[in-house]
C-alpha atoms as a PDB file:
ATOM      1  CA  GLN A   1      20.540  29.675  29.363  1.00  0.00           C
ATOM      2  CA  VAL A   2      23.410  31.516  27.497  1.00  0.00           C
ATOM      3  CA  GLN A   3      23.318  31.850  24.028  1.00  0.00           C
ATOM      4  CA  PHE A   4      24.815  32.884  20.849  1.00  0.00           C
ATOM      5  CA  VAL A   5      23.284  33.247  17.123  1.00  0.00           C
ATOM      6  CA  GLU A   6      25.395  33.772  14.425  1.00  0.00           C
ATOM      7  CA  SER A   7      24.090  34.958  11.102  1.00  0.00           C
ATOM      8  CA  GLY A   8      25.217  36.849   7.847  1.00  0.00           C
ATOM      9  CA  GLY A   9      28.219  34.959   6.872  1.00  0.00           C
ATOM     10  CA  GLY A  10      28.808  33.695   3.449  1.00  0.00           C
ATOM     11  CA  LEU A  11      30.369  33.226   0.206  1.00  0.00           C
ATOM     12  CA  VAL A  12      32.306  36.502  -0.911  1.00  0.00           C
ATOM     13  CA  GLN A  13      34.580  38.207  -3.993  1.00  0.00           C
ATOM     14  CA  PRO A  14      37.784  39.334  -2.328  1.00  0.00           C
ATOM     15  CA  GLY A  15      37.129  43.208  -1.515  1.00  0.00           C
ATOM     16  CA  GLY A  16      34.232  42.303  -1.404  1.00  0.00           C
ATOM     17  CA  SER A  17      31.684  43.007   2.782  1.00  0.00           C
ATOM     18  CA  LEU A  18      29.627  41.288   4.858  1.00  0.00           C
ATOM     19  CA  ARG A  19      28.031  42.021   7.924  1.00  0.00           C
ATOM     20  CA  LEU A  20      27.381  39.505  10.382  1.00  0.00           C
ATOM     21  CA  SER A  21      25.750  39.683  13.490  1.00  0.00           C
ATOM     22  CA  CYS A  22      25.722  37.907  16.805  1.00  0.00           C
ATOM     23  CA  ALA A  23      21.949  37.284  18.788  1.00  0.00           C
ATOM     24  CA  THR A  24      22.455  36.651  22.575  1.00  0.00           C
ATOM     25  CA  SER A  25      20.018  35.561  24.942  1.00  0.00           C
ATOM     26  CA  GLY A  26      20.442  34.289  28.860  1.00  0.00           C
ATOM     27  CA  PHE A  27      22.143  37.327  30.366  1.00  0.00           C
ATOM     28  CA  THR A  28      22.411  41.227  30.833  1.00  0.00           C
ATOM     29  CA  PHE A  29      23.787  41.791  27.205  1.00  0.00           C
ATOM     30  CA  SER A  30      24.594  45.484  28.245  1.00  0.00           C
ATOM     31  CA  TYR A  31      26.659  44.234  31.065  1.00  0.00           C
ATOM     32  CA  TYR A  32      29.739  42.838  29.271  1.00  0.00           C
ATOM     33  CA  PHE A  33      32.538  43.372  26.632  1.00  0.00           C
ATOM     34  CA  MET A  34      31.546  41.007  23.565  1.00  0.00           C
ATOM     35  CA  TYR A  35      33.616  39.781  21.372  1.00  0.00           C
ATOM     36  CA  TRP A  36      33.962  38.057  17.527  1.00  0.00           C
ATOM     37  CA  TYR A  37      36.668  34.848  17.073  1.00  0.00           C
ATOM     38  CA  ARG A  38      37.189  33.664  13.781  1.00  0.00           C
ATOM     39  CA  GLN A  39      38.691  30.329  13.344  1.00  0.00           C
ATOM     40  CA  ALA A  40      40.214  29.476  10.015  1.00  0.00           C
ATOM     41  CA  PRO A  41      40.609  26.151   8.567  1.00  0.00           C
ATOM     42  CA  GLY A  42      43.451  24.156  10.035  1.00  0.00           C
ATOM     43  CA  LYS A  43      44.371  27.000  12.620  1.00  0.00           C
ATOM     44  CA  GLU A  44      43.026  27.663  15.990  1.00  0.00           C
ATOM     45  CA  ARG A  45      40.154  30.194  17.105  1.00  0.00           C
ATOM     46  CA  GLU A  46      41.395  33.719  17.154  1.00  0.00           C
ATOM     47  CA  LEU A  47      40.632  37.069  18.659  1.00  0.00           C
ATOM     48  CA  VAL A  48      38.877  39.238  16.139  1.00  0.00           C
ATOM     49  CA  ALA A  49      37.580  42.542  17.562  1.00  0.00           C
ATOM     50  CA  TYR A  50      36.234  43.112  20.863  1.00  0.00           C
ATOM     51  CA  ILE A  51      33.620  45.805  22.375  1.00  0.00           C
ATOM     52  CA  SER A  52      32.678  47.590  26.265  1.00  0.00           C
ATOM     53  CA  PRO A  53      29.535  47.306  27.450  1.00  0.00           C
ATOM     54  CA  THR A  54      28.541  50.839  26.019  1.00  0.00           C
ATOM     55  CA  GLY A  55      30.560  50.265  22.818  1.00  0.00           C
ATOM     56  CA  GLY A  56      32.590  53.493  23.128  1.00  0.00           C
ATOM     57  CA  SER A  57      36.114  51.159  23.049  1.00  0.00           C
ATOM     58  CA  THR A  58      36.574  48.636  20.433  1.00  0.00           C
ATOM     59  CA  ILE A  59      39.547  46.990  19.793  1.00  0.00           C
ATOM     60  CA  TYR A  60      41.004  44.990  16.908  1.00  0.00           C
ATOM     61  CA  VAL A  61      43.454  42.303  15.545  1.00  0.00           C
ATOM     62  CA  ASP A  62      46.449  43.855  13.550  1.00  0.00           C
ATOM     63  CA  SER A  63      45.303  42.456  10.312  1.00  0.00           C
ATOM     64  CA  VAL A  64      41.597  43.721  10.479  1.00  0.00           C
ATOM     65  CA  LYS A  65      42.169  47.478  11.234  1.00  0.00           C
ATOM     66  CA  GLY A  66      41.178  49.950   9.403  1.00  0.00           C
ATOM     67  CA  ARG A  67      39.081  46.937   7.226  1.00  0.00           C
ATOM     68  CA  PHE A  68      36.673  46.023  10.176  1.00  0.00           C
ATOM     69  CA  ALA A  69      34.248  47.501  12.827  1.00  0.00           C
ATOM     70  CA  ILE A  70      32.813  45.979  15.744  1.00  0.00           C
ATOM     71  CA  SER A  71      29.392  47.502  17.286  1.00  0.00           C
ATOM     72  CA  ARG A  72      26.607  46.713  19.227  1.00  0.00           C
ATOM     73  CA  ASP A  73      22.815  47.574  20.089  1.00  0.00           C
ATOM     74  CA  ASN A  74      22.472  46.903  23.763  1.00  0.00           C
ATOM     75  CA  ASP A  75      18.069  47.172  23.138  1.00  0.00           C
ATOM     76  CA  LYS A  76      18.568  43.819  21.229  1.00  0.00           C
ATOM     77  CA  SER A  77      20.656  42.575  22.105  1.00  0.00           C
ATOM     78  CA  THR A  78      23.176  41.678  19.362  1.00  0.00           C
ATOM     79  CA  VAL A  79      26.633  42.827  18.266  1.00  0.00           C
ATOM     80  CA  TYR A  80      28.195  42.819  14.911  1.00  0.00           C
ATOM     81  CA  LEU A  81      31.205  43.014  13.115  1.00  0.00           C
ATOM     82  CA  GLN A  82      31.264  44.983   9.221  1.00  0.00           C
ATOM     83  CA  MET A  83      34.034  43.710   7.916  1.00  0.00           C
ATOM     84  CA  ASN A  84      34.915  45.882   4.433  1.00  0.00           C
ATOM     85  CA  SER A  85      37.700  44.777   1.562  1.00  0.00           C
ATOM     86  CA  LEU A  86      37.844  41.180   2.489  1.00  0.00           C
ATOM     87  CA  LYS A  87      40.875  38.742   1.775  1.00  0.00           C
ATOM     88  CA  PRO A  88      41.079  35.298   0.918  1.00  0.00           C
ATOM     89  CA  GLU A  89      42.606  35.287   4.819  1.00  0.00           C
ATOM     90  CA  ASP A  90      39.336  36.301   6.212  1.00  0.00           C
ATOM     91  CA  THR A  91      37.905  32.794   5.323  1.00  0.00           C
ATOM     92  CA  GLY A  92      37.195  31.106   8.077  1.00  0.00           C
ATOM     93  CA  VAL A  93      34.114  30.390  10.491  1.00  0.00           C
ATOM     94  CA  TYR A  94      32.948  33.435  12.889  1.00  0.00           C
ATOM     95  CA  TYR A  95      31.531  33.102  16.172  1.00  0.00           C
ATOM     96  CA  CYS A  96      31.119  36.371  19.323  1.00  0.00           C
ATOM     97  CA  ASN A  97      30.886  35.623  22.526  1.00  0.00           C
ATOM     98  CA  ARG A  98      31.523  37.132  26.151  1.00  0.00           C
ATOM     99  CA  PRO A  99      33.791  36.829  29.242  1.00  0.00           C
ATOM    100  CA  GLY A 100      33.540  33.816  31.303  1.00  0.00           C
ATOM    101  CA  GLN A 101      31.508  31.772  28.724  1.00  0.00           C
ATOM    102  CA  VAL A 102      32.554  28.567  27.070  1.00  0.00           C
ATOM    103  CA  ASN A 103      30.113  27.585  25.453  1.00  0.00           C
ATOM    104  CA  TRP A 104      29.643  28.828  21.597  1.00  0.00           C
ATOM    105  CA  GLY A 105      27.239  29.036  19.722  1.00  0.00           C
ATOM    106  CA  GLN A 106      27.582  28.010  15.658  1.00  0.00           C
ATOM    107  CA  GLY A 107      28.838  30.606  14.052  1.00  0.00           C
ATOM    108  CA  THR A 108      29.175  31.964  10.588  1.00  0.00           C
ATOM    109  CA  GLN A 109      30.452  30.729   7.382  1.00  0.00           C
ATOM    110  CA  VAL A 110      32.778  32.761   5.712  1.00  0.00           C
ATOM    111  CA  THR A 111      34.058  32.233   2.633  1.00  0.00           C
ATOM    112  CA  VAL A 112      36.563  34.858   0.345  1.00  0.00           C
ATOM    113  CA  SER A 113      37.104  33.826  -2.670  1.00  0.00           C
ATOM    114  CA  SER A 114      36.948  34.566  -6.454  1.00  0.00           C
END
């Protein structure tokens, strides 16, 4: 069974940093692109970043370019999201996922507020 367990969220002041982790199981992690999504209160879930199976290619939504960095450890079947220079508009629940998977983990809450 495919599973995603996100962690690392919390309350942080504007300008602060957080590192999110997503531990996966139930599939061959190194075969798949991996995605980070977020869902802000009252809004639809949006794609934030994704990374190729080897980690050699990464793509970011414009609003996080230069501030967020996605990475992965294929030996640990884990994908990460380093978030720097956080803004209040980064607040939301963050989820990871892979292509072709309809189930989601519980996500991790990120709140950016002074």
